[in-house]
Amino acid sequence: MRIGLLTEGGYPYVSGDARLWCDRLVRGLEQHEFDVYALSRSELQEGEGWVPLPPQVSRVRTAPLWGTEDDGVVYGRRARRRFAECYGELATALSRISPGAPSGAPEEASAAEADRFASALYGLAELARDEGGLAGALRSESAVGALERACRAPGAQRSAREARVPDLLAVAARLERALRPLSLDWYEDDGLGAVDLCHAASGGTAALPGLLARHFFDVPLLVTEYGVRLRAHYLTAPDATPAVRALLAAFHGRLAAEIYRRAAVITPGNSHARRWQERCGADRAKLRTVYPGMDPAPFAEAGENPGCADPGTLLWVGRVEPAKDLVSLLHAFAEVRKEEPGTRLRIVGAPSGPEGAAYLAHCKGLAAQLFPDEADGPHAVGDNPVSFEDVGGPQLPSRADAYASGAVVVLASVVEGFPVGLVEAMFCGRATVSTDVGAVTEVIGGTGLVVPPRNPRALAEACVTLLRDPERRERLGAAARARAFELFTVEQNVAAFHGIYLEILSRTPVRRVVLDDAGEPLPFAAPAEAHVPGRWTGPASRVVARGGPGWATDNPVRAGHAAEGAAR
């Protein structure tokens, strides 16, 4: 079959999010053909280039979500009227209570607003298809005026009514960027109309092309989310005003609800993401949890030799940022040192951006205050029991070497999605102590100790428990390694998606019409089983897309011939 893989800031870019997951999926399904439709987030990302692509990737089309270049499209009076109507309806839907909000609004009213948002979204897409790009219109005074009228109208939520002109300008700019996929030239018979299935590697803007392929061509849509966009919005942009945050949250919530409504199958990466999807309106019957696949090979040596770890070393591995709450970890380690004076703590990881660098400097200062350098004698040089390191040096060439150095791996986060670092520790057969956030409990599954977040005393007690009980550490590490191999390998991830692809196509009506000798369409003449790699060698047949206006005048094909397009 032919899969349209949709990404935003991800595959095939070298610095893309979920790049490894997408690459492993494509390489693992070599029997299928992939067309990649990628949205880039920055000029730097595009300049860094792509990862090497396997032969099953037959096409890559890209579009930027950055910059402010004008497409040069100038609407006439009729087109401007259409835009004003559609954008006004979209703004009205955003100014009302958003999905999942504790509003107490009647279900009928919520459904009406969802229909209003969907009609406006598809209306804008059809306008872009008929008249050209929407970039200029979305940045126009007409768009800002429509937002202002919607926020001032009766029935608007309180935070929307408080929006000022700078707030409206900020929201209009963010909406223009998020809605750029509506203006792309991907929605043709030889583009997304030619694929058998659209697979969006994330929700939000990445899934918009799949949503339009579903609208224009009835292409089934599969959506995979390891982090829900609405949740990410709540965790970011803390400096934005309440009006901006409320309107953008409404947009992300409305868009998510429409994507979930139109998707054939939704695959959350864990139950934490699944709960957010259900809150945004996802039908439980469409949900299939598929854990991300990871390659256990780099961690094999550490996993097969658990005894090589220093029994008195606690280890933290990850990206340094405030959400990881290393401050609580350092205070917990101070309590551990009171019970086990010889214990050491290794913090391994690089900072994430300027905020992460500042946070790392703060943590180093705190460690110096909590643990003055200790010396064995009056003439010896002191040594701090907390070390800050990074992977790639002579002592820690890889993350596997880092995990191999510690007896207990600690995670102290206050916010966490899918904890990749914990899975790596599990592949290494290490016992873990973690805070109960995100999907941690689901991943650990009883093979490690879990404590409440922001509780240094509980974190310290759990660490001391495992440091004093090597047999328990060994049992938990072995159980964790077995669980990781059962649930979190590349093989199980690829097999799950292969089955989902077949399931979706098996219950999707054939969109390519095969004609008999009389020129009449033959239903079920090109079933999903006819999709095989390569080309048919027999006489060529004519296949047309459903809804094509000229199919009746094409040369008829014999009913027994397989369709070339289906073989593709």
Protein backbone atom coordinates (compact mmCIF):
# COMPACT_ATOMS: atom_id res chain seq x y z
CA MET A 1 0.00 0.00 0.00
CA ARG A 2 1.00 3.64 -0.35
CA ILE A 3 1.26 5.60 2.91
CA GLY A 4 1.32 9.38 3.18
CA LEU A 5 3.44 10.07 6.29
CA LEU A 6 2.67 13.54 7.71
CA THR A 7 5.14 15.26 10.05
CA GLU A 8 5.68 18.68 11.64
CA GLY A 9 9.24 19.57 12.58
CA GLY A 10 10.12 15.88 12.40
CA TYR A 11 11.13 13.25 9.84
CA PRO A 12 13.04 13.47 7.53
CA TYR A 13 14.94 16.43 9.06
CA VAL A 14 18.13 15.62 10.95
CA SER A 15 16.99 17.58 14.02
CA GLY A 16 13.35 16.53 13.77
CA ASP A 17 11.12 15.45 16.63
CA ALA A 18 10.31 11.71 16.64
CA ARG A 19 12.83 11.32 13.80
CA LEU A 20 14.11 7.96 15.00
CA TRP A 21 10.62 6.58 15.50
CA CYS A 22 9.50 7.53 11.97
CA ASP A 23 12.73 6.25 10.41
CA ARG A 24 12.41 2.90 12.17
CA LEU A 25 8.77 2.63 11.14
CA VAL A 26 9.51 3.33 7.47
CA ARG A 27 12.49 0.97 7.37
CA GLY A 28 10.59 -1.75 9.22
CA LEU A 29 7.71 -1.66 6.70
CA GLU A 30 9.77 -2.10 3.56
CA GLN A 31 6.88 -3.89 1.83
CA HIS A 32 4.98 -0.59 1.67
CA GLU A 33 5.62 2.64 -0.22
CA PHE A 34 5.87 5.96 1.65
CA ASP A 35 5.29 9.52 0.53
CA VAL A 36 6.56 11.95 3.18
CA TYR A 37 4.84 15.31 3.62
CA ALA A 38 6.92 17.35 6.06
CA LEU A 39 6.34 20.77 7.66
CA SER A 40 9.56 22.45 8.85
CA ARG A 41 9.70 24.72 11.91
CA SER A 42 12.74 26.87 11.16
CA GLU A 43 15.25 27.84 8.52
CA LEU A 44 17.96 26.21 10.62
CA GLN A 45 16.11 22.91 10.57
CA GLU A 46 15.84 22.99 6.80
CA GLY A 47 19.50 23.94 6.47
CA GLU A 48 20.62 20.94 8.52
CA GLY A 49 19.24 18.62 5.86
CA TRP A 50 17.60 15.20 5.93
CA VAL A 51 18.50 11.83 7.31
CA PRO A 52 19.39 9.15 4.71
CA LEU A 53 16.11 7.84 3.27
CA PRO A 54 15.40 4.18 2.46
CA PRO A 55 14.26 3.18 -1.06
CA GLN A 56 10.64 2.71 0.04
CA VAL A 57 10.35 6.51 0.40
CA SER A 58 9.29 7.43 -3.12
CA ARG A 59 8.54 11.13 -2.58
CA VAL A 60 9.26 13.93 -0.10
CA ARG A 61 7.37 17.22 -0.19
CA THR A 62 8.11 19.96 2.31
CA ALA A 63 6.63 23.29 3.35
CA PRO A 64 7.78 25.86 5.95
CA LEU A 65 5.88 26.92 9.04
CA TRP A 66 8.29 29.82 9.53
CA GLY A 67 8.92 33.15 7.82
CA THR A 68 6.38 35.69 6.60
CA GLU A 69 6.78 35.56 2.83
CA ASP A 70 3.69 36.74 0.96
CA ASP A 71 2.30 34.36 -1.63
CA GLY A 72 1.23 37.27 -3.82
CA VAL A 73 -2.42 36.20 -3.94
CA VAL A 74 -4.90 39.11 -3.98
CA TYR A 75 -8.55 38.19 -3.49
CA GLY A 76 -11.37 39.78 -5.40
CA ARG A 77 -14.53 41.04 -3.77
CA ARG A 78 -16.33 37.69 -3.83
CA ALA A 79 -13.33 35.81 -2.43
CA ARG A 80 -12.90 38.43 0.31
CA ARG A 81 -16.53 37.96 1.28
CA ARG A 82 -16.06 34.17 1.46
CA PHE A 83 -12.98 34.59 3.60
CA ALA A 84 -14.70 37.04 5.97
CA GLU A 85 -17.61 34.63 6.46
CA CYS A 86 -15.42 31.57 7.07
CA TYR A 87 -12.89 33.28 9.29
CA GLY A 88 -15.65 34.99 11.24
CA GLU A 89 -17.25 31.63 11.95
CA LEU A 90 -13.87 30.22 13.00
CA ALA A 91 -13.29 33.14 15.35
CA THR A 92 -16.77 32.75 16.83
CA ALA A 93 -16.11 29.08 17.55
CA LEU A 94 -12.84 29.98 19.30
CA SER A 95 -14.37 32.70 21.44
CA ARG A 96 -16.87 30.25 22.93
CA ILE A 97 -16.09 27.61 25.56
CA SER A 98 -13.45 25.19 24.29
CA PRO A 99 -13.66 21.35 24.38
CA GLY A 100 -12.79 19.81 27.71
CA ALA A 101 -13.28 23.04 29.63
CA PRO A 102 -15.27 22.83 32.88
CA SER A 103 -17.98 25.09 31.53
CA GLY A 104 -21.15 23.18 32.24
CA ALA A 105 -22.39 24.17 28.77
CA PRO A 106 -25.07 21.97 27.23
CA GLU A 107 -23.82 19.14 25.02
CA GLU A 108 -25.93 20.42 22.09
CA ALA A 109 -24.24 23.83 22.26
CA SER A 110 -20.80 22.22 22.30
CA ALA A 111 -21.69 20.07 19.26
CA ALA A 112 -22.98 23.14 17.44
CA GLU A 113 -19.70 25.00 18.05
CA ALA A 114 -17.73 21.95 16.86
CA ASP A 115 -19.75 21.89 13.63
CA ARG A 116 -19.24 25.64 13.25
CA PHE A 117 -15.46 25.24 13.59
CA ALA A 118 -15.35 22.33 11.12
CA SER A 119 -17.45 24.15 8.51
CA ALA A 120 -15.26 27.24 8.81
CA LEU A 121 -12.05 25.20 8.54
CA TYR A 122 -13.14 23.34 5.42
CA GLY A 123 -14.57 26.54 3.98
CA LEU A 124 -11.15 28.18 4.26
CA ALA A 125 -9.51 25.13 2.69
CA GLU A 126 -11.92 25.19 -0.25
CA LEU A 127 -11.33 28.92 -0.67
CA ALA A 128 -7.57 28.36 -0.78
CA ARG A 129 -8.05 25.59 -3.34
CA ASP A 130 -10.26 27.76 -5.55
CA GLU A 131 -8.55 31.14 -5.26
CA GLY A 132 -5.00 30.54 -4.03
CA GLY A 133 -3.14 30.83 -0.74
CA LEU A 134 -4.56 32.29 2.46
CA ALA A 135 -1.36 33.87 3.81
CA GLY A 136 -2.26 37.47 3.01
CA ALA A 137 -5.87 37.13 4.10
CA LEU A 138 -4.96 35.49 7.42
CA ARG A 139 -2.63 38.40 8.24
CA SER A 140 -5.04 41.09 7.07
CA GLU A 141 -6.95 43.66 9.09
CA SER A 142 -10.10 41.77 8.13
CA ALA A 143 -8.90 38.74 10.11
CA VAL A 144 -8.04 40.81 13.20
CA GLY A 145 -11.39 42.60 12.94
CA ALA A 146 -13.26 39.28 12.76
CA LEU A 147 -11.46 38.12 15.90
CA GLU A 148 -12.34 41.32 17.71
CA ARG A 149 -16.04 41.11 16.76
CA ALA A 150 -16.20 37.49 17.92
CA CYS A 151 -14.57 38.32 21.26
CA ARG A 152 -16.95 41.22 21.85
CA ALA A 153 -20.09 39.34 20.84
CA PRO A 154 -22.60 37.98 23.38
CA GLY A 155 -21.74 34.45 24.49
CA ALA A 156 -17.98 34.89 24.29
CA GLN A 157 -16.05 33.55 27.25
CA ARG A 158 -14.81 36.07 29.78
CA SER A 159 -11.11 35.77 28.95
CA ALA A 160 -11.88 36.36 25.25
CA ARG A 161 -13.89 39.47 26.04
CA GLU A 162 -10.85 40.90 27.84
CA ALA A 163 -8.62 40.59 24.75
CA ARG A 164 -6.94 43.82 23.67
CA VAL A 165 -5.54 44.75 20.27
CA PRO A 166 -2.02 43.34 20.98
CA ASP A 167 -3.65 40.08 22.11
CA LEU A 168 -5.71 39.88 18.92
CA LEU A 169 -2.66 40.55 16.76
CA ALA A 170 -0.73 37.79 18.57
CA VAL A 171 -3.57 35.28 18.16
CA ALA A 172 -4.04 36.16 14.46
CA ALA A 173 -0.30 35.60 13.84
CA ARG A 174 -0.36 32.22 15.58
CA LEU A 175 -3.47 31.14 13.69
CA GLU A 176 -1.89 32.15 10.38
CA ARG A 177 1.07 29.89 11.07
CA ALA A 178 -1.08 26.99 12.27
CA LEU A 179 -3.39 27.23 9.23
CA ARG A 180 -0.66 27.41 6.58
CA PRO A 181 -1.24 23.78 5.50
CA LEU A 182 -4.64 24.89 4.14
CA SER A 183 -2.84 26.82 1.39
CA LEU A 184 -0.52 24.03 0.20
CA ASP A 185 -0.72 22.44 -3.23
CA TRP A 186 -0.63 18.92 -1.81
CA TYR A 187 -4.35 18.23 -2.29
CA GLU A 188 -4.42 16.94 -5.85
CA ASP A 189 -5.02 13.58 -7.50
CA ASP A 190 -1.27 13.04 -7.83
CA GLY A 191 -0.57 14.24 -4.28
CA LEU A 192 -2.35 13.16 -1.13
CA GLY A 193 -5.27 12.08 -3.31
CA ALA A 194 -3.09 9.23 -4.61
CA VAL A 195 -2.18 7.64 -1.26
CA ASP A 196 -4.13 4.79 0.33
CA LEU A 197 -3.72 6.02 3.90
CA CYS A 198 -2.52 9.18 5.67
CA HIS A 199 -0.52 8.59 8.84
CA ALA A 200 0.01 11.76 10.90
CA ALA A 201 3.03 11.39 13.20
CA SER A 202 1.48 13.91 15.61
CA GLY A 203 -1.72 15.83 16.10
CA GLY A 204 -2.33 19.51 15.54
CA THR A 205 -0.92 21.18 12.44
CA ALA A 206 0.80 17.98 11.26
CA ALA A 207 -2.57 16.25 10.94
CA LEU A 208 -4.20 19.10 9.00
CA PRO A 209 -3.07 17.80 5.57
CA GLY A 210 -4.52 14.40 6.46
CA LEU A 211 -7.74 16.05 7.54
CA LEU A 212 -8.02 17.78 4.16
CA ALA A 213 -7.13 14.59 2.28
CA ARG A 214 -9.99 12.97 4.16
CA HIS A 215 -12.28 15.88 3.23
CA PHE A 216 -11.36 16.14 -0.46
CA PHE A 217 -10.57 12.50 -1.36
CA ASP A 218 -11.94 10.28 1.44
CA VAL A 219 -8.41 9.11 2.26
CA PRO A 220 -8.52 7.37 5.67
CA LEU A 221 -6.53 9.06 8.44
CA LEU A 222 -4.44 7.48 11.20
CA VAL A 223 -3.20 9.79 13.97
CA THR A 224 -0.34 8.89 16.31
CA GLU A 225 0.29 11.07 19.36
CA TYR A 226 2.93 10.62 22.03
CA GLY A 227 2.10 14.07 23.37
CA VAL A 228 -1.22 15.88 22.94
CA ARG A 229 -0.90 19.39 21.50
CA LEU A 230 -3.49 20.90 23.86
CA ARG A 231 -1.52 19.67 26.88
CA ALA A 232 1.70 21.06 25.40
CA HIS A 233 -0.03 24.43 24.96
CA TYR A 234 -0.96 24.55 28.64
CA LEU A 235 2.68 23.84 29.58
CA THR A 236 4.25 26.47 27.30
CA ALA A 237 4.11 30.24 26.78
CA PRO A 238 3.61 31.10 30.49
CA ASP A 239 4.14 34.79 29.74
CA ALA A 240 1.18 35.03 27.34
CA THR A 241 -1.88 36.93 28.52
CA PRO A 242 -4.98 34.98 29.63
CA ALA A 243 -6.85 36.06 26.49
CA VAL A 244 -4.14 34.73 24.16
CA ARG A 245 -3.83 31.48 26.06
CA ALA A 246 -7.60 30.96 26.13
CA LEU A 247 -8.13 31.61 22.41
CA LEU A 248 -5.20 29.42 21.35
CA ALA A 249 -6.30 26.67 23.75
CA ALA A 250 -9.74 26.83 22.13
CA PHE A 251 -8.15 26.48 18.69
CA HIS A 252 -6.03 23.48 19.68
CA GLY A 253 -9.00 21.87 21.41
CA ARG A 254 -11.38 22.40 18.49
CA LEU A 255 -8.81 21.18 15.97
CA ALA A 256 -8.04 18.10 18.06
CA ALA A 257 -11.74 17.27 18.38
CA GLU A 258 -12.21 17.51 14.59
CA ILE A 259 -9.12 15.41 13.89
CA TYR A 260 -10.30 12.72 16.32
CA ARG A 261 -13.78 12.76 14.82
CA ARG A 262 -12.51 12.25 11.27
CA ALA A 263 -9.67 9.81 12.03
CA ALA A 264 -10.22 6.14 11.34
CA VAL A 265 -7.89 5.09 14.18
CA ILE A 266 -6.04 7.05 16.88
CA THR A 267 -2.91 5.57 18.44
CA PRO A 268 -1.81 7.22 21.70
CA GLY A 269 1.65 6.30 22.90
CA ASN A 270 0.51 5.74 26.49
CA SER A 271 -2.54 5.95 28.72
CA HIS A 272 -1.62 9.48 29.82
CA ALA A 273 -1.96 10.74 26.24
CA ARG A 274 -5.05 8.59 25.83
CA ARG A 275 -6.82 10.34 28.73
CA TRP A 276 -6.08 13.73 27.15
CA GLN A 277 -7.44 12.50 23.82
CA GLU A 278 -10.64 11.31 25.44
CA ARG A 279 -10.97 14.68 27.17
CA CYS A 280 -10.74 16.36 23.75
CA GLY A 281 -13.53 14.18 22.36
CA ALA A 282 -11.82 11.07 20.98
CA ASP A 283 -14.08 8.03 20.63
CA ARG A 284 -12.77 5.17 22.77
CA ALA A 285 -13.61 2.70 20.01
CA LYS A 286 -11.00 4.34 17.78
CA LEU A 287 -8.17 4.30 20.33
CA ARG A 288 -5.31 1.78 20.15
CA THR A 289 -2.38 2.28 22.52
CA VAL A 290 0.93 1.66 20.72
CA TYR A 291 4.06 2.20 22.78
CA PRO A 292 7.04 3.83 21.03
CA GLY A 293 9.66 1.39 19.82
CA MET A 294 13.28 1.67 20.92
CA ASP A 295 16.40 -0.20 19.87
CA PRO A 296 17.70 -2.25 22.81
CA ALA A 297 20.97 -3.20 21.10
CA PRO A 298 23.08 -0.29 22.45
CA PHE A 299 22.10 -1.27 26.00
CA ALA A 300 22.65 -5.02 25.65
CA GLU A 301 26.08 -5.16 27.32
CA ALA A 302 24.96 -3.15 30.35
CA GLY A 303 21.79 -5.23 30.64
CA GLU A 304 23.66 -8.51 30.54
CA ASN A 305 26.17 -7.38 33.19
CA PRO A 306 24.17 -5.68 35.96
CA GLY A 307 26.91 -6.38 38.49
CA CYS A 308 29.33 -3.94 36.85
CA ALA A 309 27.57 -0.91 38.38
CA ASP A 310 28.94 0.91 41.41
CA PRO A 311 26.59 -0.16 44.25
CA GLY A 312 26.91 3.23 45.93
CA THR A 313 26.04 5.46 42.95
CA LEU A 314 22.72 7.07 42.11
CA LEU A 315 22.29 8.14 38.50
CA TRP A 316 20.17 10.71 36.70
CA VAL A 317 20.22 10.86 32.87
CA GLY A 318 18.27 13.28 30.72
CA ARG A 319 17.88 16.80 29.35
CA VAL A 320 18.53 19.48 31.98
CA GLU A 321 15.52 21.79 32.34
CA PRO A 322 13.30 23.01 35.21
CA ALA A 323 10.61 20.37 34.55
CA LYS A 324 13.11 17.67 35.59
CA ASP A 325 13.21 19.16 39.12
CA LEU A 326 16.87 18.50 39.84
CA VAL A 327 16.55 20.83 42.84
CA SER A 328 14.31 18.30 44.60
CA LEU A 329 16.73 15.54 43.59
CA LEU A 330 19.65 17.40 45.19
CA HIS A 331 17.71 17.97 48.41
CA ALA A 332 16.71 14.30 48.42
CA PHE A 333 20.35 13.32 47.95
CA ALA A 334 21.25 15.40 50.99
CA GLU A 335 18.88 13.17 53.00
CA VAL A 336 20.40 10.05 51.40
CA ARG A 337 23.89 11.12 52.44
CA LYS A 338 22.76 11.32 56.06
CA GLU A 339 21.81 7.64 55.94
CA GLU A 340 24.46 6.40 53.49
CA PRO A 341 27.48 8.78 53.72
CA GLY A 342 29.47 7.09 50.94
CA THR A 343 26.81 7.48 48.26
CA ARG A 344 27.52 9.50 45.10
CA LEU A 345 25.16 11.15 42.61
CA ARG A 346 26.00 11.47 38.91
CA ILE A 347 23.86 13.91 36.90
CA VAL A 348 24.38 13.18 33.20
CA GLY A 349 22.88 15.42 30.54
CA ALA A 350 23.15 18.65 28.57
CA PRO A 351 20.99 21.74 29.16
CA SER A 352 18.01 22.48 26.92
CA GLY A 353 18.36 26.03 25.55
CA PRO A 354 19.17 29.19 27.53
CA GLU A 355 16.63 28.35 30.23
CA GLY A 356 18.22 24.94 30.70
CA ALA A 357 21.70 26.44 30.88
CA ALA A 358 20.61 28.87 33.59
CA TYR A 359 18.93 26.03 35.48
CA LEU A 360 22.07 23.89 35.26
CA ALA A 361 24.16 26.75 36.70
CA HIS A 362 21.66 27.11 39.56
CA CYS A 363 21.82 23.36 40.31
CA LYS A 364 25.62 23.40 40.33
CA GLY A 365 25.56 26.29 42.80
CA LEU A 366 23.07 24.45 45.00
CA ALA A 367 25.19 21.30 44.95
CA ALA A 368 28.21 23.30 46.04
CA GLN A 369 26.23 24.71 48.97
CA LEU A 370 24.66 21.42 50.06
CA PHE A 371 27.81 19.32 49.70
CA PRO A 372 31.05 21.19 50.47
CA ASP A 373 34.03 19.45 48.96
CA GLU A 374 35.07 16.60 51.19
CA ALA A 375 38.68 15.52 51.72
CA ASP A 376 40.08 12.36 53.30
CA GLY A 377 42.69 14.31 55.20
CA PRO A 378 44.08 17.79 55.86
CA HIS A 379 46.44 17.60 52.87
CA ALA A 380 44.04 16.03 50.35
CA VAL A 381 41.96 17.78 47.70
CA GLY A 382 38.25 17.79 48.40
CA ASP A 383 35.75 16.07 46.16
CA ASN A 384 32.04 16.88 45.79
CA PRO A 385 29.80 13.77 45.88
CA VAL A 386 27.63 15.28 43.11
CA SER A 387 29.09 15.36 39.60
CA PHE A 388 27.62 17.03 36.51
CA GLU A 389 28.64 15.29 33.30
CA ASP A 390 27.62 14.90 29.68
CA VAL A 391 27.60 11.98 27.29
CA GLY A 392 30.35 11.93 24.68
CA GLY A 393 33.45 12.34 26.83
CA PRO A 394 36.14 9.73 27.52
CA GLN A 395 34.46 8.59 30.75
CA LEU A 396 30.94 8.33 29.29
CA PRO A 397 31.13 7.70 25.54
CA SER A 398 27.44 6.74 25.31
CA ARG A 399 24.20 6.75 27.30
CA ALA A 400 24.61 3.01 27.84
CA ASP A 401 27.93 3.66 29.59
CA ALA A 402 26.18 6.18 31.81
CA TYR A 403 23.50 3.70 32.87
CA ALA A 404 26.14 1.03 33.44
CA SER A 405 27.87 3.23 36.03
CA GLY A 406 24.97 3.50 38.51
CA ALA A 407 23.16 1.00 40.69
CA VAL A 408 19.91 2.99 40.90
CA VAL A 409 18.50 5.32 38.23
CA VAL A 410 16.44 8.23 39.58
CA LEU A 411 13.81 10.38 37.85
CA ALA A 412 12.50 13.39 39.80
CA SER A 413 10.41 15.18 37.14
CA VAL A 414 7.30 17.22 37.86
CA VAL A 415 6.19 17.06 34.19
CA GLU A 416 6.85 14.09 31.96
CA GLY A 417 5.32 12.60 28.85
CA PHE A 418 6.72 9.21 27.85
CA PRO A 419 9.89 8.71 29.95
CA VAL A 420 12.41 7.50 27.37
CA GLY A 421 15.22 7.57 29.90
CA LEU A 422 13.40 5.12 32.16
CA VAL A 423 12.94 2.68 29.28
CA GLU A 424 16.67 2.90 28.52
CA ALA A 425 17.42 2.17 32.18
CA MET A 426 15.04 -0.79 32.01
CA PHE A 427 16.86 -2.18 28.95
CA CYS A 428 20.06 -1.92 31.03
CA GLY A 429 18.46 -3.92 33.84
CA ARG A 430 18.66 -1.11 36.38
CA ALA A 431 16.37 -0.60 39.36
CA THR A 432 14.62 2.78 39.25
CA VAL A 433 13.09 5.35 41.59
CA SER A 434 10.66 7.72 39.86
CA THR A 435 8.08 10.38 40.55
CA ASP A 436 4.47 9.59 39.67
CA VAL A 437 4.01 11.90 36.65
CA GLY A 438 2.94 11.39 33.04
CA ALA A 439 3.23 7.80 31.86
CA VAL A 440 5.85 6.79 34.45
CA THR A 441 3.67 4.34 36.39
CA GLU A 442 2.43 2.75 33.18
CA VAL A 443 5.97 2.29 31.87
CA ILE A 444 7.42 0.96 35.13
CA GLY A 445 4.54 -1.41 35.76
CA GLY A 446 5.68 -2.50 39.23
CA THR A 447 9.35 -3.00 38.30
CA GLY A 448 10.54 0.11 40.18
CA LEU A 449 9.67 2.38 43.09
CA VAL A 450 7.35 5.34 42.47
CA VAL A 451 6.96 8.34 44.81
CA PRO A 452 4.95 11.60 44.68
CA PRO A 453 6.54 14.52 42.79
CA ARG A 454 8.11 17.43 44.70
CA ASN A 455 8.66 15.25 47.76
CA PRO A 456 12.43 15.01 48.44
CA ARG A 457 11.94 13.01 51.65
CA ALA A 458 9.93 10.27 49.92
CA LEU A 459 12.45 10.22 47.05
CA ALA A 460 15.32 9.85 49.53
CA GLU A 461 13.64 7.03 51.46
CA ALA A 462 13.04 5.05 48.26
CA CYS A 463 16.67 5.50 47.17
CA VAL A 464 18.00 4.41 50.56
CA THR A 465 15.74 1.35 50.48
CA LEU A 466 17.25 0.14 47.21
CA LEU A 467 20.83 1.08 48.11
CA ARG A 468 20.59 -1.13 51.21
CA ASP A 469 19.01 -4.10 49.42
CA PRO A 470 21.17 -5.34 46.49
CA GLU A 471 19.04 -8.48 46.01
CA ARG A 472 15.91 -6.40 45.55
CA ARG A 473 17.75 -4.14 43.11
CA GLU A 474 18.72 -7.18 41.07
CA ARG A 475 15.17 -8.59 41.04
CA LEU A 476 13.63 -5.28 40.02
CA GLY A 477 16.26 -4.71 37.34
CA ALA A 478 15.68 -8.13 35.80
CA ALA A 479 11.91 -7.64 35.83
CA ALA A 480 12.30 -4.18 34.28
CA ARG A 481 14.49 -5.53 31.48
CA ALA A 482 11.99 -8.27 30.67
CA ARG A 483 9.14 -5.75 30.59
CA ALA A 484 11.06 -3.41 28.29
CA PHE A 485 11.76 -6.20 25.81
CA GLU A 486 8.11 -7.22 25.87
CA LEU A 487 6.56 -3.78 25.31
CA PHE A 488 9.02 -1.19 24.07
CA THR A 489 11.05 -2.62 21.17
CA VAL A 490 11.05 -1.47 17.56
CA GLU A 491 9.71 -4.83 16.44
CA GLN A 492 6.52 -4.63 18.49
CA ASN A 493 5.94 -1.03 17.37
CA VAL A 494 6.34 -1.84 13.66
CA ALA A 495 4.18 -4.97 13.92
CA ALA A 496 1.42 -3.01 15.64
CA PHE A 497 1.30 -0.34 12.94
CA HIS A 498 1.44 -2.91 10.16
CA GLY A 499 -1.66 -4.56 11.61
CA ILE A 500 -3.42 -1.21 12.02
CA TYR A 501 -2.69 -0.27 8.39
CA LEU A 502 -4.28 -3.51 7.19
CA GLU A 503 -7.22 -3.08 9.55
CA ILE A 504 -7.99 0.41 8.25
CA LEU A 505 -7.72 -0.56 4.59
CA SER A 506 -9.78 -3.70 5.08
CA ARG A 507 -12.81 -1.60 6.06
CA THR A 508 -12.21 1.37 3.75
CA PRO A 509 -14.21 1.53 0.50
CA VAL A 510 -12.07 1.39 -2.62
CA ARG A 511 -11.46 4.93 -3.84
CA ARG A 512 -10.09 3.95 -7.27
CA VAL A 513 -12.74 2.85 -9.68
CA VAL A 514 -12.18 -0.07 -12.09
CA LEU A 515 -14.49 -0.06 -15.11
CA ASP A 516 -15.98 -3.05 -16.90
CA ASP A 517 -16.39 -3.45 -20.69
CA ALA A 518 -19.51 -1.29 -20.63
CA GLY A 519 -17.78 1.53 -18.78
CA GLU A 520 -19.55 0.83 -15.48
CA PRO A 521 -17.65 0.89 -12.20
CA LEU A 522 -16.99 -2.45 -10.53
CA PRO A 523 -17.23 -2.33 -6.72
CA PHE A 524 -14.59 -4.31 -4.80
CA ALA A 525 -12.58 -4.87 -8.02
CA ALA A 526 -9.38 -3.53 -6.40
CA PRO A 527 -9.35 -4.72 -2.78
CA ALA A 528 -6.62 -3.92 -0.31
CA GLU A 529 -4.99 -7.30 -1.03
CA ALA A 530 -4.18 -6.10 -4.55
CA HIS A 531 -1.62 -3.62 -3.22
CA VAL A 532 1.80 -5.16 -3.78
CA PRO A 533 5.17 -3.53 -4.46
CA GLY A 534 6.16 -2.98 -8.08
CA ARG A 535 4.13 -2.89 -11.27
CA TRP A 536 1.89 -5.41 -12.98
CA THR A 537 3.42 -6.83 -16.17
CA GLY A 538 0.16 -7.58 -17.97
CA PRO A 539 -1.90 -5.23 -20.15
CA ALA A 540 -2.25 -1.79 -18.64
CA SER A 541 -5.59 -0.92 -17.06
CA ARG A 542 -7.16 2.43 -16.41
CA VAL A 543 -7.93 3.45 -12.84
CA VAL A 544 -9.64 6.70 -11.95
CA ALA A 545 -10.20 8.43 -8.63
CA ARG A 546 -13.68 8.45 -7.23
CA GLY A 547 -15.47 11.61 -8.20
CA GLY A 548 -13.33 12.25 -11.29
CA PRO A 549 -15.54 13.93 -13.89
CA GLY A 550 -14.07 12.15 -16.90
CA TRP A 551 -14.16 8.51 -15.93
CA ALA A 552 -17.10 7.62 -18.17
CA THR A 553 -15.20 8.69 -21.30
CA ASP A 554 -12.03 6.74 -20.49
CA ASN A 555 -11.24 3.54 -22.33
CA PRO A 556 -13.02 0.69 -20.53
CA VAL A 557 -10.94 -2.05 -18.93
CA ARG A 558 -11.73 -5.72 -18.65
CA ALA A 559 -13.04 -6.84 -15.30
CA GLY A 560 -10.35 -9.49 -14.86
CA HIS A 561 -7.44 -7.09 -15.12
CA ALA A 562 -5.78 -5.84 -11.97
CA ALA A 563 -5.46 -2.10 -11.70
CA GLU A 564 -2.04 -0.57 -12.14
CA GLY A 565 -2.84 2.17 -9.68
CA ALA A 566 -3.92 -0.41 -7.10
CA ALA A 567 -0.62 -2.22 -7.53
CA ARG A 568 1.11 0.99 -6.69
